[in-house]
Amino acid sequence: MSESKESPATPESVETDKGLSRRTFIKGAVAAAGIAGFPYVHAQEKIVLRYLGTAVNQSADIAKKFKEDTGIEIQYIPVTTDDVAKRIITQPNSFDIVDTEYFSLKKLIPSGTLAGMDVKKIKLADKITPVLTKGEINGKKIGDQGTAPKKVMFLKGARSTEFSSTPTEWMTLIPTTYNADTLGIRPDLIKRPVTTWADLLNPQFKGKAALLNIPAIGIMDSAMAIEAMGQVKYGDKGNMTKAEIDQTIKILIEAKRAGQFRAFWKDFNESVNLMASGEVVIQSMWSPAVTKVRTMGVACTFQPLKEGYRSWASGFGFPRSLQGKKLDAAYEFVNWFQDGWAGAYLMRQGYYSGVLDTAKTHMQPYEWDYWIEGKPAAQDIKAPDGQLLEKAGTVRDGGSYTQRMGAIACWNAVMDENIYMVQKWNEFIAA
């Protein structure tokens, strides 16, 4: 996605909160049912929601907790990022909920298979982070090269295939997770400060660098490095001209032929193994992969760089065919997801939640201080499965939420010249 992230779903969870805080939800339909919390209205009917997405948010713990709270069952359909997009377009009746990335929407919305999400049915719509809805943090604009979510957040109407540049009652996706991505490094093997994306292509790391082989994302990581080296100045790294694509690929092929790259990875575990083994010391990486390497006792840093981060965001969408009780149950799932338990669970893996306020109520103050405020950990930081992630005293790579999300340079994107770009990228991989 991207942490397009075919990362493994996490096993058993260690609960850090006792009982759910539902204060924000005692209203609307729930209040009408006269029940504080999520009513078991569907329990007798055995509703099963088919959830299509990459494995990143597909946790058995989340499905279990949702079923406990609502009686509704989640059936995961884990596929790769590319296959999520293909199924939305070619098999829109094969799922009830999809978790996909904002950068894919330029391909997906014109197909007319996704419905607009009715903002009036999203209880915490007004609490969704302005980083995604407005492209700002604390009132300050952040970088919006590429497909910034604010550009594709709203539709003109319920069944529109056109984006609206201003907020409407119809959202394309309801945000789930997002992050600011950078390079992963092995500080113990590099033994000097790394402060720039240019180091990805630095001959000093010949044979020890790796790139993500998802063309739309790999080319942006490359562009961050190439621009940092002063070789190309891009108008928009997320929407290159043919000439810019040609220049980029030429530089990459030269680097490849000179032996710069050890590997081109597509899979989460592949990136972890390359780094943990020391075969690679600098590469495109995702935050949870860095965390995974660290839990293996190997030094690994998600390195903040002076040029900023490449960011991504994903969210829930519904197929147009969804109706009746299944549609109601799908909205119930989205509202439950935003109510904080799931958000806190995913934030313990290094992601950010679409609604921060509710996630905070499900985290211990020391966890919030570490993950969001950028403060030193007051006690050991643990993953949802109880594994030790960081020892007390550690500060999160890149610091606070404001520092990290405030330093975004570009967003994952689908370029206007996407077909040409993929063709040229494949020439580079084959060179």
Protein backbone atom coordinates (compact mmCIF):
# COMPACT_ATOMS: atom_id res chain seq x y z
CA MET A 1 0.00 0.00 0.00
CA SER A 2 1.72 1.43 -0.89
CA GLU A 3 1.83 -0.53 1.80
CA SER A 4 0.12 -2.61 -0.62
CA LYS A 5 1.11 -4.90 1.90
CA GLU A 6 0.56 -8.45 1.59
CA SER A 7 1.53 -8.65 5.24
CA PRO A 8 0.39 -11.53 7.38
CA ALA A 9 -2.73 -11.10 9.50
CA THR A 10 -1.80 -10.88 13.16
CA PRO A 11 -2.67 -13.81 15.46
CA GLU A 12 -4.18 -13.55 18.93
CA SER A 13 -4.47 -10.12 20.45
CA VAL A 14 -3.67 -8.95 23.92
CA GLU A 15 -6.51 -6.72 25.10
CA THR A 16 -5.31 -3.44 26.54
CA ASP A 17 -8.73 -2.00 27.31
CA LYS A 18 -11.40 -3.41 29.53
CA GLY A 19 -14.76 -3.05 27.87
CA LEU A 20 -15.53 -0.73 25.01
CA SER A 21 -16.09 2.97 25.33
CA ARG A 22 -19.18 3.63 23.23
CA ARG A 23 -19.91 7.19 24.30
CA THR A 24 -19.70 8.53 20.77
CA PHE A 25 -22.21 5.99 19.52
CA ILE A 26 -25.13 6.39 21.92
CA LYS A 27 -27.16 8.10 19.26
CA GLY A 28 -28.79 7.47 15.92
CA ALA A 29 -29.81 3.92 15.14
CA VAL A 30 -28.11 2.47 18.19
CA ALA A 31 -29.92 4.80 20.55
CA ALA A 32 -33.16 4.09 18.70
CA ALA A 33 -32.65 0.41 19.46
CA GLY A 34 -32.43 1.41 23.12
CA ILE A 35 -29.10 -0.32 23.52
CA ALA A 36 -25.72 1.16 24.39
CA GLY A 37 -23.30 -0.58 22.09
CA PHE A 38 -23.89 -2.69 19.02
CA PRO A 39 -27.16 -4.63 19.17
CA TYR A 40 -27.33 -8.30 18.27
CA VAL A 41 -30.05 -7.51 15.73
CA HIS A 42 -28.40 -9.71 13.11
CA ALA A 43 -27.42 -12.61 15.33
CA GLN A 44 -30.31 -14.86 14.34
CA GLU A 45 -29.92 -14.16 10.64
CA LYS A 46 -26.27 -15.25 10.40
CA ILE A 47 -25.19 -12.38 8.17
CA VAL A 48 -21.78 -12.95 6.61
CA LEU A 49 -19.91 -10.02 5.03
CA ARG A 50 -17.34 -10.92 2.38
CA TYR A 51 -14.38 -8.56 2.91
CA LEU A 52 -12.04 -8.14 -0.06
CA GLY A 53 -8.61 -6.59 0.46
CA THR A 54 -4.92 -7.16 1.03
CA ALA A 55 -4.02 -8.96 4.23
CA VAL A 56 -2.88 -5.78 5.97
CA ASN A 57 -6.14 -4.89 7.77
CA GLN A 58 -7.54 -8.41 7.64
CA SER A 59 -6.91 -9.48 11.20
CA ALA A 60 -8.59 -12.51 12.73
CA ASP A 61 -8.76 -10.51 15.98
CA ILE A 62 -10.75 -7.70 14.35
CA ALA A 63 -13.23 -10.17 12.81
CA LYS A 64 -13.60 -11.96 16.16
CA LYS A 65 -14.18 -8.74 18.11
CA PHE A 66 -16.72 -7.46 15.55
CA LYS A 67 -18.65 -10.73 15.73
CA GLU A 68 -18.66 -10.60 19.54
CA ASP A 69 -20.02 -7.05 19.45
CA THR A 70 -22.59 -7.44 16.66
CA GLY A 71 -23.14 -11.10 15.79
CA ILE A 72 -22.10 -10.36 12.19
CA GLU A 73 -19.45 -12.57 10.64
CA ILE A 74 -16.58 -11.33 8.47
CA GLN A 75 -15.23 -13.63 5.76
CA TYR A 76 -11.85 -12.40 4.49
CA ILE A 77 -10.84 -12.59 0.82
CA PRO A 78 -7.10 -11.76 0.89
CA VAL A 79 -5.56 -10.90 -2.50
CA THR A 80 -2.76 -8.67 -3.84
CA THR A 81 -3.21 -4.94 -4.42
CA ASP A 82 -3.52 -5.43 -8.19
CA ASP A 83 -6.10 -8.20 -7.74
CA VAL A 84 -8.23 -6.02 -5.48
CA ALA A 85 -8.59 -3.54 -8.36
CA LYS A 86 -9.24 -6.28 -10.93
CA ARG A 87 -12.02 -7.87 -8.86
CA ILE A 88 -13.73 -4.54 -8.22
CA ILE A 89 -13.94 -3.97 -11.97
CA THR A 90 -14.59 -7.51 -13.24
CA GLN A 91 -16.34 -9.29 -10.32
CA PRO A 92 -18.20 -6.60 -8.36
CA ASN A 93 -20.69 -9.17 -7.01
CA SER A 94 -17.97 -11.32 -5.43
CA PHE A 95 -17.60 -9.17 -2.27
CA ASP A 96 -19.70 -7.03 0.11
CA ILE A 97 -16.97 -4.70 1.45
CA VAL A 98 -13.69 -3.77 -0.16
CA ASP A 99 -10.65 -2.25 1.52
CA THR A 100 -8.70 -0.53 -1.26
CA GLU A 101 -6.34 2.38 -1.72
CA TYR A 102 -7.23 5.93 -2.68
CA PHE A 103 -4.62 5.91 -5.43
CA SER A 104 -6.58 3.13 -7.23
CA LEU A 105 -9.75 5.22 -7.43
CA LYS A 106 -8.86 6.93 -10.70
CA LYS A 107 -9.06 3.45 -12.27
CA LEU A 108 -12.00 2.17 -10.20
CA ILE A 109 -14.57 4.98 -10.06
CA PRO A 110 -14.97 5.32 -13.87
CA SER A 111 -15.91 1.59 -14.02
CA GLY A 112 -19.14 2.40 -12.14
CA THR A 113 -19.00 -0.72 -9.95
CA LEU A 114 -18.59 1.06 -6.60
CA ALA A 115 -21.40 2.95 -4.84
CA GLY A 116 -20.96 6.35 -3.22
CA MET A 117 -20.71 6.03 0.58
CA ASP A 118 -23.59 7.90 2.22
CA VAL A 119 -22.00 10.35 4.67
CA LYS A 120 -25.30 10.57 6.62
CA LYS A 121 -24.90 6.89 7.56
CA ILE A 122 -21.33 7.35 8.84
CA LYS A 123 -21.67 8.34 12.50
CA LEU A 124 -18.16 9.81 12.83
CA ALA A 125 -17.85 11.35 9.35
CA ASP A 126 -17.06 14.75 10.87
CA LYS A 127 -14.22 13.22 12.92
CA ILE A 128 -12.29 11.83 9.93
CA THR A 129 -8.78 13.27 9.88
CA PRO A 130 -8.36 16.49 7.81
CA VAL A 131 -5.03 15.05 6.56
CA LEU A 132 -7.20 12.96 4.22
CA THR A 133 -10.32 15.07 3.68
CA LYS A 134 -8.64 18.49 3.32
CA GLY A 135 -4.94 17.71 2.82
CA GLU A 136 -3.91 19.62 5.92
CA ILE A 137 -2.66 19.09 9.45
CA ASN A 138 -3.32 21.66 12.19
CA GLY A 139 -4.56 24.00 9.45
CA LYS A 140 -1.29 23.73 7.48
CA LYS A 141 -1.31 22.34 3.92
CA ILE A 142 0.74 19.21 3.28
CA GLY A 143 2.33 17.93 0.04
CA ASP A 144 -0.22 16.75 -2.50
CA GLN A 145 1.77 15.47 -5.50
CA GLY A 146 0.27 12.23 -6.80
CA THR A 147 -3.23 11.07 -5.87
CA ALA A 148 -3.69 12.90 -2.56
CA PRO A 149 -6.89 11.48 -0.95
CA LYS A 150 -8.53 14.95 -0.87
CA LYS A 151 -8.52 14.93 -4.71
CA VAL A 152 -10.59 11.72 -4.89
CA MET A 153 -12.48 11.75 -1.57
CA PHE A 154 -15.91 12.86 -2.82
CA LEU A 155 -18.26 11.99 -5.68
CA LYS A 156 -20.70 14.35 -7.41
CA GLY A 157 -23.63 12.01 -6.61
CA ALA A 158 -24.59 8.59 -5.20
CA ARG A 159 -23.92 6.81 -8.49
CA SER A 160 -21.58 9.31 -10.07
CA THR A 161 -18.42 8.21 -11.86
CA GLU A 162 -16.93 11.70 -11.42
CA PHE A 163 -14.99 13.09 -8.47
CA SER A 164 -16.12 16.30 -6.79
CA SER A 165 -13.44 18.85 -5.90
CA THR A 166 -15.58 20.06 -2.98
CA PRO A 167 -17.14 17.97 -0.17
CA THR A 168 -20.50 16.31 -0.95
CA GLU A 169 -22.74 13.80 0.85
CA TRP A 170 -21.10 10.97 -1.09
CA MET A 171 -17.61 9.73 -0.23
CA THR A 172 -15.64 7.33 -2.43
CA LEU A 173 -14.15 5.41 0.52
CA ILE A 174 -14.32 5.72 4.30
CA PRO A 175 -10.69 5.83 5.53
CA THR A 176 -9.26 2.81 7.37
CA THR A 177 -5.48 3.22 7.59
CA TYR A 178 -2.77 5.44 6.16
CA ASN A 179 0.91 6.11 6.72
CA ALA A 180 3.95 8.09 5.69
CA ASP A 181 6.46 5.76 4.02
CA THR A 182 10.18 6.12 3.64
CA LEU A 183 13.26 3.91 3.27
CA GLY A 184 14.20 1.14 5.65
CA ILE A 185 17.90 0.96 6.55
CA ARG A 186 20.26 -1.26 8.57
CA PRO A 187 22.07 1.39 10.70
CA ASP A 188 24.41 -1.23 12.19
CA LEU A 189 25.70 -2.16 8.70
CA ILE A 190 25.67 1.33 7.14
CA LYS A 191 27.48 3.00 10.06
CA ARG A 192 26.85 6.59 8.94
CA PRO A 193 23.85 8.92 8.97
CA VAL A 194 21.35 8.51 6.11
CA THR A 195 19.43 11.75 5.56
CA THR A 196 18.44 11.72 1.88
CA TRP A 197 16.49 9.55 -0.58
CA ALA A 198 19.52 9.92 -2.89
CA ASP A 199 21.27 7.18 -0.88
CA LEU A 200 18.97 4.57 -2.44
CA LEU A 201 21.01 5.01 -5.65
CA ASN A 202 24.36 5.79 -3.98
CA PRO A 203 27.08 3.46 -5.43
CA GLN A 204 28.35 3.07 -1.87
CA PHE A 205 25.44 0.60 -1.42
CA LYS A 206 26.01 -1.24 -4.71
CA GLY A 207 24.48 -4.72 -4.56
CA LYS A 208 22.88 -3.90 -1.19
CA ALA A 209 19.85 -1.83 -2.26
CA ALA A 210 16.35 -3.09 -3.08
CA LEU A 211 13.25 -1.60 -4.68
CA LEU A 212 9.56 -2.36 -4.37
CA ASN A 213 8.41 -3.98 -7.61
CA ILE A 214 4.90 -2.53 -7.70
CA PRO A 215 5.42 -0.16 -10.68
CA ALA A 216 3.23 2.75 -9.49
CA ILE A 217 5.03 2.85 -6.14
CA GLY A 218 8.51 1.70 -7.09
CA ILE A 219 8.79 4.48 -9.66
CA MET A 220 7.85 7.10 -7.04
CA ASP A 221 10.47 5.84 -4.59
CA SER A 222 12.94 6.01 -7.49
CA ALA A 223 11.79 9.54 -8.39
CA MET A 224 12.28 10.69 -4.79
CA ALA A 225 15.89 9.43 -5.04
CA ILE A 226 16.54 10.79 -8.55
CA GLU A 227 15.16 14.25 -7.69
CA ALA A 228 17.21 14.27 -4.46
CA MET A 229 20.32 13.55 -6.58
CA GLY A 230 19.46 16.62 -8.69
CA GLN A 231 19.16 14.60 -11.91
CA VAL A 232 15.48 15.32 -12.73
CA LYS A 233 13.10 18.00 -11.42
CA TYR A 234 9.58 16.57 -11.67
CA GLY A 235 6.43 18.61 -12.15
CA ASP A 236 4.49 15.94 -10.22
CA LYS A 237 6.21 12.70 -9.23
CA GLY A 238 2.80 11.02 -9.10
CA ASN A 239 1.82 12.11 -12.60
CA MET A 240 4.94 12.12 -14.77
CA THR A 241 5.11 13.11 -18.42
CA LYS A 242 6.39 10.53 -20.92
CA ALA A 243 9.70 12.44 -21.06
CA GLU A 244 10.04 12.26 -17.24
CA ILE A 245 9.23 8.53 -17.28
CA ASP A 246 11.88 7.98 -19.96
CA GLN A 247 14.51 9.91 -17.99
CA THR A 248 13.67 8.02 -14.79
CA ILE A 249 13.84 4.57 -16.39
CA LYS A 250 17.11 5.43 -18.18
CA ILE A 251 18.74 6.33 -14.83
CA LEU A 252 17.34 3.17 -13.18
CA ILE A 253 18.58 0.90 -15.98
CA GLU A 254 22.07 2.44 -15.70
CA ALA A 255 22.03 1.85 -11.93
CA LYS A 256 20.80 -1.73 -12.41
CA ARG A 257 23.49 -2.53 -14.98
CA ALA A 258 26.09 -1.10 -12.59
CA GLY A 259 24.91 -3.66 -10.00
CA GLN A 260 23.12 -1.28 -7.60
CA PHE A 261 20.16 -3.55 -6.80
CA ARG A 262 20.18 -6.81 -4.89
CA ALA A 263 16.44 -7.43 -5.37
CA PHE A 264 13.05 -6.18 -6.50
CA TRP A 265 10.46 -7.39 -4.00
CA LYS A 266 6.67 -7.64 -4.16
CA ASP A 267 5.89 -9.38 -0.90
CA PHE A 268 6.04 -8.12 2.70
CA ASN A 269 7.91 -11.20 3.94
CA GLU A 270 10.45 -10.92 1.12
CA SER A 271 11.33 -7.38 2.24
CA VAL A 272 11.68 -8.58 5.85
CA ASN A 273 13.99 -11.47 4.90
CA LEU A 274 16.21 -9.29 2.68
CA MET A 275 16.72 -6.84 5.53
CA ALA A 276 17.00 -9.29 8.42
CA SER A 277 19.62 -11.36 6.57
CA GLY A 278 21.73 -8.27 5.84
CA GLU A 279 21.67 -8.99 2.08
CA VAL A 280 20.14 -5.52 1.77
CA VAL A 281 21.01 -2.45 3.87
CA ILE A 282 18.73 0.17 2.23
CA GLN A 283 15.40 -0.35 0.47
CA SER A 284 11.78 0.64 -0.10
CA MET A 285 10.03 -0.58 3.03
CA TRP A 286 6.75 -0.53 4.94
CA SER A 287 6.49 0.42 8.58
CA PRO A 288 5.23 -3.00 9.83
CA ALA A 289 8.05 -4.73 7.93
CA VAL A 290 10.61 -2.58 9.77
CA THR A 291 8.83 -3.46 13.03
CA LYS A 292 8.95 -7.16 12.14
CA VAL A 293 12.72 -7.02 11.54
CA ARG A 294 13.18 -5.30 14.90
CA THR A 295 11.15 -7.96 16.73
CA MET A 296 13.70 -10.46 15.33
CA GLY A 297 16.37 -8.60 17.31
CA VAL A 298 17.90 -7.00 14.20
CA ALA A 299 18.64 -3.26 14.02
CA CYS A 300 16.37 -1.65 11.41
CA THR A 301 15.22 1.99 11.07
CA PHE A 302 12.33 3.50 9.14
CA GLN A 303 14.51 6.44 8.22
CA PRO A 304 13.12 10.02 8.15
CA LEU A 305 14.64 11.82 5.14
CA LYS A 306 15.00 15.54 4.45
CA GLU A 307 12.95 15.41 1.22
CA GLY A 308 9.94 14.01 3.10
CA TYR A 309 7.71 10.94 2.90
CA ARG A 310 5.75 9.11 0.22
CA SER A 311 2.30 8.57 1.67
CA TRP A 312 -0.68 6.27 1.06
CA ALA A 313 -4.18 5.76 2.43
CA SER A 314 -6.82 3.06 2.17
CA GLY A 315 -10.53 2.91 2.91
CA PHE A 316 -13.75 0.88 2.79
CA GLY A 317 -16.04 0.90 -0.23
CA PHE A 318 -19.21 -0.98 -1.18
CA PRO A 319 -20.22 -2.50 -4.53
CA ARG A 320 -23.31 -0.94 -6.14
CA SER A 321 -25.10 -4.29 -5.96
CA LEU A 322 -25.09 -4.29 -2.13
CA GLN A 323 -28.57 -3.74 -0.68
CA GLY A 324 -31.01 -4.54 2.11
CA LYS A 325 -29.80 -6.13 5.35
CA LYS A 326 -26.31 -6.75 3.97
CA LEU A 327 -25.94 -3.06 3.15
CA ASP A 328 -27.09 -2.16 6.69
CA ALA A 329 -24.63 -4.68 8.15
CA ALA A 330 -21.80 -3.27 6.00
CA TYR A 331 -22.47 0.27 7.30
CA GLU A 332 -22.58 -1.20 10.81
CA PHE A 333 -19.12 -2.68 10.25
CA VAL A 334 -17.69 0.63 8.97
CA ASN A 335 -19.14 2.50 11.97
CA TRP A 336 -17.82 -0.16 14.34
CA PHE A 337 -14.38 0.05 12.69
CA GLN A 338 -14.27 3.81 13.27
CA ASP A 339 -15.35 3.52 16.88
CA GLY A 340 -11.78 2.92 18.02
CA TRP A 341 -11.05 -0.69 18.94
CA ALA A 342 -9.88 -1.59 15.42
CA GLY A 343 -8.13 1.77 15.01
CA ALA A 344 -6.12 1.25 18.21
CA TYR A 345 -5.30 -2.31 17.14
CA LEU A 346 -3.88 -1.13 13.80
CA MET A 347 -2.08 1.85 15.34
CA ARG A 348 -0.16 -0.61 17.53
CA GLN A 349 1.27 -1.94 14.24
CA GLY A 350 2.49 1.50 13.18
CA TYR A 351 -0.42 2.62 10.99
CA TYR A 352 -2.65 5.64 11.58
CA SER A 353 -6.41 5.40 12.04
CA GLY A 354 -8.95 7.42 10.00
CA VAL A 355 -10.51 8.62 13.28
CA LEU A 356 -7.82 9.31 15.88
CA ASP A 357 -10.07 10.47 18.74
CA THR A 358 -11.83 7.13 19.21
CA ALA A 359 -8.65 5.08 18.78
CA LYS A 360 -7.15 7.10 21.63
CA THR A 361 -9.86 5.87 24.01
CA HIS A 362 -8.70 2.28 23.37
CA MET A 363 -5.00 2.91 23.94
CA GLN A 364 -3.07 3.33 27.16
CA PRO A 365 -1.72 6.90 27.60
CA TYR A 366 1.90 5.67 27.20
CA GLU A 367 0.98 3.96 23.90
CA TRP A 368 -0.65 7.10 22.55
CA ASP A 369 2.35 9.19 23.64
CA TYR A 370 4.72 6.85 21.79
CA TRP A 371 2.77 6.24 18.55
CA ILE A 372 1.15 9.68 18.11
CA GLU A 373 2.90 12.30 20.25
CA GLY A 374 6.44 11.16 19.40
CA LYS A 375 7.41 10.97 23.08
CA PRO A 376 9.87 8.43 24.50
CA ALA A 377 8.07 5.22 25.50
CA ALA A 378 7.28 5.37 29.23
CA GLN A 379 7.20 1.57 29.27
CA ASP A 380 7.80 -1.28 26.81
CA ILE A 381 5.75 -0.99 23.59
CA LYS A 382 4.01 -4.19 22.49
CA ALA A 383 2.34 -5.35 19.28
CA PRO A 384 -1.34 -6.45 19.35
CA ASP A 385 -0.14 -10.05 19.82
CA GLY A 386 1.89 -9.08 22.89
CA GLN A 387 5.30 -9.23 21.18
CA LEU A 388 7.82 -6.68 22.37
CA LEU A 389 8.23 -3.99 19.68
CA GLU A 390 10.27 -1.34 21.47
CA LYS A 391 11.89 -1.07 24.85
CA ALA A 392 11.00 1.75 27.25
CA GLY A 393 12.79 5.00 26.38
CA THR A 394 12.61 4.51 22.57
CA VAL A 395 11.20 7.29 20.35
CA ARG A 396 9.22 6.41 17.22
CA ASP A 397 11.16 6.79 13.93
CA GLY A 398 10.22 10.14 12.43
CA GLY A 399 8.68 11.40 15.66
CA SER A 400 5.10 12.53 16.16
CA TYR A 401 2.02 12.24 13.93
CA THR A 402 2.30 15.97 13.17
CA GLN A 403 5.99 15.72 12.24
CA ARG A 404 5.51 12.66 10.03
CA MET A 405 2.25 13.54 8.25
CA GLY A 406 3.34 17.17 8.04
CA ALA A 407 6.41 16.13 6.01
CA ILE A 408 4.60 14.35 3.15
CA ALA A 409 6.15 15.04 -0.26
CA CYS A 410 3.86 12.93 -2.44
CA TRP A 411 1.11 10.29 -2.41
CA ASN A 412 0.82 6.94 -4.15
CA ALA A 413 -0.79 7.52 -7.52
CA VAL A 414 -2.04 6.20 -10.83
CA MET A 415 -0.52 8.38 -13.55
CA ASP A 416 -2.33 9.58 -16.66
CA GLU A 417 0.48 7.78 -18.53
CA ASN A 418 0.07 4.66 -16.37
CA ILE A 419 0.10 2.13 -19.26
CA TYR A 420 3.25 3.65 -20.74
CA MET A 421 4.88 3.86 -17.29
CA VAL A 422 4.21 0.15 -16.52
CA GLN A 423 5.60 -0.86 -19.92
CA LYS A 424 8.80 1.15 -19.29
CA TRP A 425 9.09 -0.16 -15.70
CA ASN A 426 8.90 -3.73 -17.01
CA GLU A 427 11.71 -2.91 -19.45
CA PHE A 428 13.79 -1.78 -16.44
CA ILE A 429 13.04 -4.99 -14.45
CA ALA A 430 13.95 -7.08 -17.52
CA ALA A 431 17.11 -5.10 -18.37
